[in-house]
């Protein structure tokens, strides 16, 4: 469980850093826009990094797991929407 949470955190931070580099144009030609499909896949990857360990916790320890899946899912959606620049 601790390994899944640690890997989820590492990959989640990696997705956020890669999205930040993409939005700032690091390593891309000067006049190019950020690739929307790449940003969407990074957002989906971040959501999986948050939801995966929470789902594993729910499966392995159902008596001690609280409803953090909903909270984690909402947090992941907020971060993905903020990364993609979508206004609600």
C-alpha atoms as a PDB file:
ATOM      1  CA  UNK A   1       0.000   0.000   0.000  1.00  0.00           C
ATOM      2  CA  UNK A   2       2.814   2.403   0.869  1.00  0.00           C
ATOM      3  CA  UNK A   3       4.624   1.516  -2.352  1.00  0.00           C
ATOM      4  CA  UNK A   4       1.490   2.239  -4.407  1.00  0.00           C
ATOM      5  CA  UNK A   5       1.037   5.612  -2.693  1.00  0.00           C
ATOM      6  CA  UNK A   6       4.709   6.490  -3.183  1.00  0.00           C
ATOM      7  CA  UNK A   7       4.696   5.544  -6.852  1.00  0.00           C
ATOM      8  CA  UNK A   8       1.422   7.372  -7.367  1.00  0.00           C
ATOM      9  CA  UNK A   9       2.912  10.507  -5.818  1.00  0.00           C
ATOM     10  CA  UNK A  10       6.081  10.276  -7.916  1.00  0.00           C
ATOM     11  CA  UNK A  11       4.240   9.711 -11.190  1.00  0.00           C
ATOM     12  CA  UNK A  12       1.682  12.384 -10.287  1.00  0.00           C
ATOM     13  CA  UNK A  13       4.410  14.975  -9.718  1.00  0.00           C
ATOM     14  CA  UNK A  14       6.021  13.863 -12.970  1.00  0.00           C
ATOM     15  CA  UNK A  15       2.761  14.421 -14.841  1.00  0.00           C
ATOM     16  CA  UNK A  16       2.398  17.884 -13.309  1.00  0.00           C
ATOM     17  CA  UNK A  17       5.971  18.865 -14.206  1.00  0.00           C
ATOM     18  CA  UNK A  18       5.589  17.562 -17.766  1.00  0.00           C
ATOM     19  CA  UNK A  19       2.328  19.508 -18.170  1.00  0.00           C
ATOM     20  CA  UNK A  20       3.978  22.649 -16.822  1.00  0.00           C
ATOM     21  CA  UNK A  21       6.847  22.297 -19.294  1.00  0.00           C
ATOM     22  CA  UNK A  22       4.381  21.755 -22.121  1.00  0.00           C
ATOM     23  CA  UNK A  23       2.333  24.820 -21.183  1.00  0.00           C
ATOM     24  CA  UNK A  24       5.438  26.990 -20.950  1.00  0.00           C
ATOM     25  CA  UNK A  25       6.753  25.762 -24.305  1.00  0.00           C
ATOM     26  CA  UNK A  26       9.938  24.216 -22.938  1.00  0.00           C
ATOM     27  CA  UNK A  27      11.649  22.262 -25.725  1.00  0.00           C
ATOM     28  CA  UNK A  28       9.122  23.203 -28.419  1.00  0.00           C
ATOM     29  CA  UNK A  29       9.422  25.617 -31.317  1.00  0.00           C
ATOM     30  CA  UNK A  30       8.722  29.220 -30.308  1.00  0.00           C
ATOM     31  CA  UNK A  31       5.444  29.776 -32.130  1.00  0.00           C
ATOM     32  CA  UNK A  32       3.793  26.458 -31.355  1.00  0.00           C
ATOM     33  CA  UNK A  33       0.805  26.006 -29.078  1.00  0.00           C
ATOM     34  CA  UNK A  34       0.666  23.356 -26.348  1.00  0.00           C
ATOM     35  CA  UNK A  35      -0.500  19.980 -27.616  1.00  0.00           C
ATOM     36  CA  UNK A  36      -4.015  19.457 -26.282  1.00  0.00           C
ATOM     37  CA  UNK A  37      -4.023  15.664 -26.592  1.00  0.00           C
ATOM     38  CA  UNK A  38      -0.714  15.417 -24.727  1.00  0.00           C
ATOM     39  CA  UNK A  39      -2.020  17.669 -21.943  1.00  0.00           C
ATOM     40  CA  UNK A  40      -5.198  15.622 -21.766  1.00  0.00           C
ATOM     41  CA  UNK A  41      -3.211  12.406 -21.433  1.00  0.00           C
ATOM     42  CA  UNK A  42      -1.073  13.969 -18.693  1.00  0.00           C
ATOM     43  CA  UNK A  43      -4.240  15.049 -16.890  1.00  0.00           C
ATOM     44  CA  UNK A  44      -5.645  11.553 -17.163  1.00  0.00           C
ATOM     45  CA  UNK A  45      -2.363  10.142 -15.900  1.00  0.00           C
ATOM     46  CA  UNK A  46      -2.478  12.459 -12.897  1.00  0.00           C
ATOM     47  CA  UNK A  47      -6.057  11.424 -12.149  1.00  0.00           C
ATOM     48  CA  UNK A  48      -5.017   7.764 -12.226  1.00  0.00           C
ATOM     49  CA  UNK A  49      -2.069   8.519  -9.935  1.00  0.00           C
ATOM     50  CA  UNK A  50      -4.465  10.003  -7.386  1.00  0.00           C
ATOM     51  CA  UNK A  51      -7.308   7.515  -7.775  1.00  0.00           C
ATOM     52  CA  UNK A  52      -5.203   4.339  -8.064  1.00  0.00           C
ATOM     53  CA  UNK A  53      -3.782   4.216  -4.536  1.00  0.00           C
ATOM     54  CA  UNK A  54      -7.145   5.300  -3.109  1.00  0.00           C
ATOM     55  CA  UNK A  55      -8.912   2.464  -4.940  1.00  0.00           C
ATOM     56  CA  UNK A  56      -6.251  -0.003  -3.784  1.00  0.00           C
ATOM     57  CA  UNK A  57      -6.707   1.167  -0.199  1.00  0.00           C
ATOM     58  CA  UNK A  58     -10.453   0.695  -0.556  1.00  0.00           C
ATOM     59  CA  UNK A  59      -9.974  -2.860  -1.895  1.00  0.00           C
ATOM     60  CA  UNK A  60      -7.359  -3.997   0.617  1.00  0.00           C
ATOM     61  CA  UNK A  61      -8.710  -2.351   3.764  1.00  0.00           C
ATOM     62  CA  UNK A  62     -12.459  -1.827   3.310  1.00  0.00           C
ATOM     63  CA  UNK A  63     -13.170  -1.453   7.031  1.00  0.00           C
ATOM     64  CA  UNK A  64     -10.659   1.381   7.543  1.00  0.00           C
ATOM     65  CA  UNK A  65     -11.124   3.162   4.226  1.00  0.00           C
ATOM     66  CA  UNK A  66     -13.248   6.257   4.287  1.00  0.00           C
ATOM     67  CA  UNK A  67     -14.900   7.945   1.336  1.00  0.00           C
ATOM     68  CA  UNK A  68     -11.653   9.516   0.155  1.00  0.00           C
ATOM     69  CA  UNK A  69     -12.243   8.221  -3.357  1.00  0.00           C
ATOM     70  CA  UNK A  70     -14.740  10.964  -3.967  1.00  0.00           C
ATOM     71  CA  UNK A  71     -12.472  13.612  -2.449  1.00  0.00           C
ATOM     72  CA  UNK A  72      -9.485  12.374  -4.448  1.00  0.00           C
ATOM     73  CA  UNK A  73     -11.519  12.268  -7.635  1.00  0.00           C
ATOM     74  CA  UNK A  74     -12.755  15.822  -7.134  1.00  0.00           C
ATOM     75  CA  UNK A  75      -9.194  16.989  -6.413  1.00  0.00           C
ATOM     76  CA  UNK A  76      -7.892  15.263  -9.547  1.00  0.00           C
ATOM     77  CA  UNK A  77     -10.624  16.809 -11.704  1.00  0.00           C
ATOM     78  CA  UNK A  78      -9.910  20.291 -10.314  1.00  0.00           C
ATOM     79  CA  UNK A  79      -6.202  19.967 -11.051  1.00  0.00           C
ATOM     80  CA  UNK A  80      -6.820  18.622 -14.566  1.00  0.00           C
ATOM     81  CA  UNK A  81      -9.267  21.426 -15.345  1.00  0.00           C
ATOM     82  CA  UNK A  82      -6.796  24.003 -14.013  1.00  0.00           C
ATOM     83  CA  UNK A  83      -3.953  22.494 -16.064  1.00  0.00           C
ATOM     84  CA  UNK A  84      -5.935  22.491 -19.261  1.00  0.00           C
ATOM     85  CA  UNK A  85      -7.095  26.044 -18.664  1.00  0.00           C
ATOM     86  CA  UNK A  86     -10.760  25.219 -18.915  1.00  0.00           C
ATOM     87  CA  UNK A  87     -12.987  27.778 -17.237  1.00  0.00           C
ATOM     88  CA  UNK A  88     -16.196  26.656 -15.593  1.00  0.00           C
END
